[in-house]
Amino acid sequence: MHTATFFITTARSGTQWVSRSLKTLYSDRLVVEHEPVKYAYCPKRCLRDPGALEKLRSDPVVRAHLDAIHAILQHRSYVEVGFPAFALAPLLLEEFGSRLRLVQLVRHPV
């Protein structure tokens, strides 16, 4: 079963490095994206307002992105790295169910 993995992070936590590394090492197995829809996920608004999270599912940019991920999952696993997805966990769980994997990436303070 192919999975949809989302790295949930804070800003400046190495997401670009993780994304580049995964693309380099596993390009034959994974589709890896770094913040593909940028702030279209509306993390601040969705974190504070669960109703906004449900509306986000029908946003044209987000809906097209989620549909593209479903298409990818037919052939390969998908990995998305970047902080704007952190508020989406409930929506992602509804969208991808048992295929969803969440990974928290924490910045090292040094």
N, C-alpha and C. Protein backbone atom coordinates (compact mmCIF):
# COMPACT_ATOMS: atom_id res chain seq x y z
N MET A 1 0.84 -1.18 0.00
CA MET A 1 0.00 0.00 0.00
C MET A 1 0.89 1.24 0.00
N HIS A 2 0.61 2.15 -0.90
CA HIS A 2 1.36 3.40 -0.95
C HIS A 2 0.80 4.36 0.10
N THR A 3 1.68 5.16 0.67
CA THR A 3 1.30 6.05 1.76
C THR A 3 1.48 7.51 1.40
N ALA A 4 0.76 8.36 2.12
CA ALA A 4 0.91 9.81 2.02
C ALA A 4 1.51 10.27 3.34
N THR A 5 2.77 10.70 3.29
CA THR A 5 3.49 11.12 4.49
C THR A 5 3.66 12.62 4.48
N PHE A 6 3.27 13.25 5.57
CA PHE A 6 3.41 14.69 5.72
C PHE A 6 4.32 14.97 6.91
N PHE A 7 5.39 15.71 6.66
CA PHE A 7 6.28 16.15 7.73
C PHE A 7 5.68 17.41 8.32
N ILE A 8 5.35 17.38 9.59
CA ILE A 8 4.78 18.51 10.30
C ILE A 8 5.92 19.18 11.05
N THR A 9 6.15 20.45 10.77
CA THR A 9 7.35 21.10 11.30
C THR A 9 7.08 22.52 11.72
N THR A 10 8.07 23.10 12.35
CA THR A 10 8.10 24.54 12.58
C THR A 10 8.99 25.13 11.49
N ALA A 11 8.97 26.42 11.39
CA ALA A 11 9.82 27.08 10.39
C ALA A 11 11.29 26.87 10.72
N ARG A 12 12.12 26.86 9.69
CA ARG A 12 13.56 26.77 9.84
C ARG A 12 13.99 25.50 10.56
N SER A 13 13.44 24.37 10.14
CA SER A 13 13.76 23.11 10.83
C SER A 13 14.43 22.09 9.90
N GLY A 14 14.90 22.52 8.76
CA GLY A 14 15.62 21.61 7.87
C GLY A 14 14.75 20.96 6.81
N THR A 15 13.59 21.53 6.54
CA THR A 15 12.68 20.89 5.59
C THR A 15 13.24 20.83 4.17
N GLN A 16 13.95 21.85 3.76
CA GLN A 16 14.52 21.82 2.40
C GLN A 16 15.57 20.73 2.29
N TRP A 17 16.38 20.56 3.31
CA TRP A 17 17.39 19.51 3.31
C TRP A 17 16.73 18.13 3.28
N VAL A 18 15.71 17.93 4.12
CA VAL A 18 15.00 16.65 4.15
C VAL A 18 14.39 16.36 2.77
N SER A 19 13.76 17.36 2.20
CA SER A 19 13.13 17.19 0.89
C SER A 19 14.16 16.82 -0.17
N ARG A 20 15.25 17.55 -0.25
CA ARG A 20 16.31 17.25 -1.23
C ARG A 20 16.89 15.86 -1.02
N SER A 21 17.12 15.49 0.23
CA SER A 21 17.69 14.18 0.53
C SER A 21 16.77 13.05 0.11
N LEU A 22 15.48 13.18 0.44
CA LEU A 22 14.53 12.14 0.06
C LEU A 22 14.41 12.02 -1.46
N LYS A 23 14.40 13.17 -2.14
CA LYS A 23 14.33 13.15 -3.61
C LYS A 23 15.56 12.47 -4.20
N THR A 24 16.72 12.76 -3.64
CA THR A 24 17.97 12.18 -4.14
C THR A 24 18.04 10.68 -3.90
N LEU A 25 17.68 10.27 -2.71
CA LEU A 25 17.83 8.87 -2.32
C LEU A 25 16.70 7.96 -2.79
N TYR A 26 15.49 8.50 -2.92
CA TYR A 26 14.33 7.64 -3.18
C TYR A 26 13.48 8.12 -4.36
N SER A 27 14.08 8.76 -5.32
CA SER A 27 13.30 9.30 -6.44
C SER A 27 12.58 8.21 -7.23
N ASP A 28 13.05 6.99 -7.14
CA ASP A 28 12.41 5.89 -7.85
C ASP A 28 11.20 5.34 -7.10
N ARG A 29 11.05 5.69 -5.82
CA ARG A 29 9.97 5.14 -4.99
C ARG A 29 8.97 6.18 -4.50
N LEU A 30 9.42 7.44 -4.40
CA LEU A 30 8.60 8.47 -3.78
C LEU A 30 8.41 9.68 -4.69
N VAL A 31 7.29 10.34 -4.53
CA VAL A 31 7.11 11.68 -5.07
C VAL A 31 7.25 12.59 -3.86
N VAL A 32 8.25 13.47 -3.88
CA VAL A 32 8.54 14.32 -2.74
C VAL A 32 8.33 15.78 -3.13
N GLU A 33 7.58 16.50 -2.29
CA GLU A 33 7.31 17.91 -2.54
C GLU A 33 7.67 18.72 -1.29
N HIS A 34 8.21 19.91 -1.52
CA HIS A 34 8.49 20.83 -0.43
C HIS A 34 7.51 21.99 -0.52
N GLU A 35 6.59 22.06 0.44
CA GLU A 35 5.59 23.12 0.52
C GLU A 35 4.94 23.41 -0.84
N PRO A 36 4.32 22.43 -1.47
CA PRO A 36 3.81 22.60 -2.83
C PRO A 36 2.69 23.63 -2.99
N VAL A 37 1.90 23.85 -1.97
CA VAL A 37 0.82 24.84 -2.11
C VAL A 37 1.06 26.06 -1.21
N LYS A 38 2.25 26.14 -0.66
CA LYS A 38 2.66 27.26 0.20
C LYS A 38 1.61 27.51 1.28
N TYR A 39 1.07 28.73 1.34
CA TYR A 39 0.13 29.07 2.40
C TYR A 39 -1.32 28.82 2.03
N ALA A 40 -1.59 28.12 0.95
CA ALA A 40 -2.98 27.79 0.59
C ALA A 40 -3.64 26.93 1.66
N TYR A 41 -2.83 26.25 2.47
CA TYR A 41 -3.37 25.46 3.57
C TYR A 41 -3.94 26.34 4.70
N CYS A 42 -3.61 27.64 4.69
CA CYS A 42 -4.10 28.59 5.70
C CYS A 42 -3.87 28.07 7.12
N PRO A 43 -2.64 27.78 7.50
CA PRO A 43 -2.40 27.13 8.79
C PRO A 43 -2.88 27.93 10.01
N LYS A 44 -2.67 29.23 10.02
CA LYS A 44 -3.09 30.00 11.19
C LYS A 44 -4.61 30.02 11.33
N ARG A 45 -5.30 30.25 10.23
CA ARG A 45 -6.76 30.31 10.28
C ARG A 45 -7.34 28.94 10.64
N CYS A 46 -6.84 27.88 10.04
CA CYS A 46 -7.39 26.54 10.27
C CYS A 46 -7.08 26.02 11.67
N LEU A 47 -5.97 26.43 12.23
CA LEU A 47 -5.62 25.98 13.57
C LEU A 47 -6.56 26.60 14.60
N ARG A 48 -7.01 27.81 14.33
CA ARG A 48 -7.88 28.52 15.26
C ARG A 48 -9.36 28.25 15.01
N ASP A 49 -9.72 27.81 13.81
CA ASP A 49 -11.13 27.67 13.44
C ASP A 49 -11.36 26.34 12.72
N PRO A 50 -11.85 25.33 13.44
CA PRO A 50 -12.09 24.02 12.80
C PRO A 50 -13.06 24.11 11.61
N GLY A 51 -13.97 25.07 11.62
CA GLY A 51 -14.88 25.24 10.48
C GLY A 51 -14.14 25.63 9.21
N ALA A 52 -13.09 26.42 9.37
CA ALA A 52 -12.27 26.82 8.22
C ALA A 52 -11.56 25.63 7.62
N LEU A 53 -11.24 24.67 8.45
CA LEU A 53 -10.56 23.46 7.97
C LEU A 53 -11.45 22.69 7.01
N GLU A 54 -12.72 22.57 7.32
CA GLU A 54 -13.65 21.86 6.43
C GLU A 54 -13.85 22.63 5.13
N LYS A 55 -13.90 23.96 5.20
CA LYS A 55 -14.05 24.77 3.98
C LYS A 55 -12.83 24.62 3.08
N LEU A 56 -11.68 24.40 3.70
CA LEU A 56 -10.44 24.29 2.95
C LEU A 56 -10.47 23.11 1.96
N ARG A 57 -11.19 22.06 2.32
CA ARG A 57 -11.28 20.88 1.46
C ARG A 57 -11.82 21.23 0.06
N SER A 58 -12.67 22.26 -0.02
CA SER A 58 -13.26 22.63 -1.31
C SER A 58 -12.53 23.80 -1.97
N ASP A 59 -11.50 24.33 -1.35
CA ASP A 59 -10.69 25.38 -1.99
C ASP A 59 -10.09 24.79 -3.26
N PRO A 60 -10.21 25.49 -4.39
CA PRO A 60 -9.75 24.91 -5.67
C PRO A 60 -8.29 24.47 -5.68
N VAL A 61 -7.40 25.26 -5.09
CA VAL A 61 -5.98 24.91 -5.08
C VAL A 61 -5.74 23.68 -4.22
N VAL A 62 -6.31 23.67 -3.03
CA VAL A 62 -6.12 22.55 -2.11
C VAL A 62 -6.79 21.30 -2.65
N ARG A 63 -8.01 21.43 -3.18
CA ARG A 63 -8.73 20.26 -3.71
C ARG A 63 -7.94 19.62 -4.86
N ALA A 64 -7.42 20.46 -5.76
CA ALA A 64 -6.63 19.94 -6.89
C ALA A 64 -5.38 19.23 -6.37
N HIS A 65 -4.76 19.79 -5.34
CA HIS A 65 -3.56 19.17 -4.78
C HIS A 65 -3.89 17.82 -4.14
N LEU A 66 -4.96 17.76 -3.36
CA LEU A 66 -5.35 16.49 -2.72
C LEU A 66 -5.70 15.45 -3.77
N ASP A 67 -6.39 15.87 -4.83
CA ASP A 67 -6.73 14.93 -5.92
C ASP A 67 -5.46 14.42 -6.61
N ALA A 68 -4.48 15.30 -6.77
CA ALA A 68 -3.21 14.89 -7.39
C ALA A 68 -2.50 13.87 -6.50
N ILE A 69 -2.56 14.06 -5.20
CA ILE A 69 -1.95 13.09 -4.29
C ILE A 69 -2.64 11.74 -4.41
N HIS A 70 -3.96 11.74 -4.48
CA HIS A 70 -4.69 10.47 -4.66
C HIS A 70 -4.24 9.76 -5.94
N ALA A 71 -4.03 10.52 -7.00
CA ALA A 71 -3.56 9.93 -8.26
C ALA A 71 -2.16 9.35 -8.10
N ILE A 72 -1.29 10.05 -7.41
CA ILE A 72 0.08 9.57 -7.17
C ILE A 72 0.05 8.27 -6.39
N LEU A 73 -0.83 8.19 -5.39
CA LEU A 73 -0.87 7.01 -4.52
C LEU A 73 -1.25 5.73 -5.25
N GLN A 74 -1.76 5.85 -6.44
CA GLN A 74 -2.06 4.65 -7.23
C GLN A 74 -0.79 3.96 -7.70
N HIS A 75 0.33 4.73 -7.75
CA HIS A 75 1.57 4.19 -8.31
C HIS A 75 2.78 4.27 -7.37
N ARG A 76 2.81 5.31 -6.53
CA ARG A 76 3.96 5.51 -5.64
C ARG A 76 3.49 6.17 -4.34
N SER A 77 4.37 6.20 -3.38
CA SER A 77 4.08 6.91 -2.14
C SER A 77 4.40 8.38 -2.32
N TYR A 78 3.75 9.20 -1.52
CA TYR A 78 3.89 10.65 -1.60
C TYR A 78 4.43 11.17 -0.27
N VAL A 79 5.36 12.11 -0.33
CA VAL A 79 5.91 12.75 0.86
C VAL A 79 5.85 14.25 0.66
N GLU A 80 5.29 14.93 1.65
CA GLU A 80 5.24 16.39 1.62
C GLU A 80 5.94 16.92 2.86
N VAL A 81 6.87 17.84 2.62
CA VAL A 81 7.68 18.38 3.70
C VAL A 81 7.45 19.89 3.76
N GLY A 82 7.20 20.40 4.96
CA GLY A 82 7.07 21.84 5.12
C GLY A 82 6.05 22.21 6.17
N PHE A 83 6.25 23.33 6.79
CA PHE A 83 5.43 23.70 7.94
C PHE A 83 3.99 24.08 7.65
N PRO A 84 3.59 24.54 6.47
CA PRO A 84 2.20 24.95 6.31
C PRO A 84 1.16 23.85 6.48
N ALA A 85 1.54 22.59 6.54
CA ALA A 85 0.57 21.50 6.66
C ALA A 85 0.20 21.17 8.10
N PHE A 86 0.81 21.83 9.09
CA PHE A 86 0.61 21.38 10.47
C PHE A 86 -0.84 21.45 10.94
N ALA A 87 -1.61 22.39 10.48
CA ALA A 87 -3.00 22.51 10.94
C ALA A 87 -3.94 21.56 10.22
N LEU A 88 -3.46 20.89 9.20
CA LEU A 88 -4.30 20.04 8.36
C LEU A 88 -4.49 18.62 8.86
N ALA A 89 -3.87 18.23 9.93
CA ALA A 89 -3.88 16.83 10.36
C ALA A 89 -5.28 16.21 10.35
N PRO A 90 -6.31 16.85 10.91
CA PRO A 90 -7.64 16.23 10.88
C PRO A 90 -8.18 16.04 9.46
N LEU A 91 -7.98 17.03 8.61
CA LEU A 91 -8.44 16.92 7.22
C LEU A 91 -7.67 15.82 6.49
N LEU A 92 -6.36 15.77 6.70
CA LEU A 92 -5.55 14.75 6.04
C LEU A 92 -5.95 13.35 6.47
N LEU A 93 -6.27 13.18 7.74
CA LEU A 93 -6.72 11.89 8.22
C LEU A 93 -8.02 11.47 7.55
N GLU A 94 -8.96 12.40 7.43
CA GLU A 94 -10.22 12.09 6.73
C GLU A 94 -9.96 11.78 5.25
N GLU A 95 -9.05 12.51 4.66
CA GLU A 95 -8.78 12.37 3.22
C GLU A 95 -8.05 11.07 2.89
N PHE A 96 -7.04 10.70 3.69
CA PHE A 96 -6.18 9.57 3.34
C PHE A 96 -6.30 8.37 4.26
N GLY A 97 -6.98 8.51 5.37
CA GLY A 97 -7.23 7.38 6.27
C GLY A 97 -5.98 6.64 6.68
N SER A 98 -6.01 5.33 6.53
CA SER A 98 -4.89 4.49 6.98
C SER A 98 -3.63 4.67 6.13
N ARG A 99 -3.72 5.37 5.03
CA ARG A 99 -2.54 5.65 4.20
C ARG A 99 -1.72 6.82 4.73
N LEU A 100 -2.28 7.59 5.65
CA LEU A 100 -1.63 8.79 6.16
C LEU A 100 -0.54 8.45 7.17
N ARG A 101 0.59 9.12 7.02
CA ARG A 101 1.67 9.07 7.98
C ARG A 101 2.05 10.51 8.31
N LEU A 102 2.17 10.82 9.59
CA LEU A 102 2.61 12.15 10.01
C LEU A 102 3.94 12.00 10.73
N VAL A 103 4.89 12.85 10.37
CA VAL A 103 6.21 12.83 10.98
C VAL A 103 6.48 14.24 11.50
N GLN A 104 6.81 14.35 12.78
CA GLN A 104 7.14 15.65 13.32
C GLN A 104 8.64 15.86 13.26
N LEU A 105 9.04 16.93 12.62
CA LEU A 105 10.44 17.29 12.50
C LEU A 105 10.69 18.48 13.41
N VAL A 106 11.62 18.33 14.36
CA VAL A 106 11.88 19.36 15.35
C VAL A 106 13.25 19.97 15.07
N ARG A 107 13.32 21.25 15.18
CA ARG A 107 14.58 21.95 14.93
C ARG A 107 15.52 21.76 16.12
N HIS A 108 16.76 21.44 15.82
CA HIS A 108 17.78 21.36 16.85
C HIS A 108 18.18 22.77 17.24
N PRO A 109 18.18 23.09 18.54
CA PRO A 109 18.43 24.50 18.95
C PRO A 109 19.85 24.99 18.67
N VAL A 110 20.78 24.10 18.43
CA VAL A 110 22.15 24.54 18.16
C VAL A 110 22.28 24.83 16.69
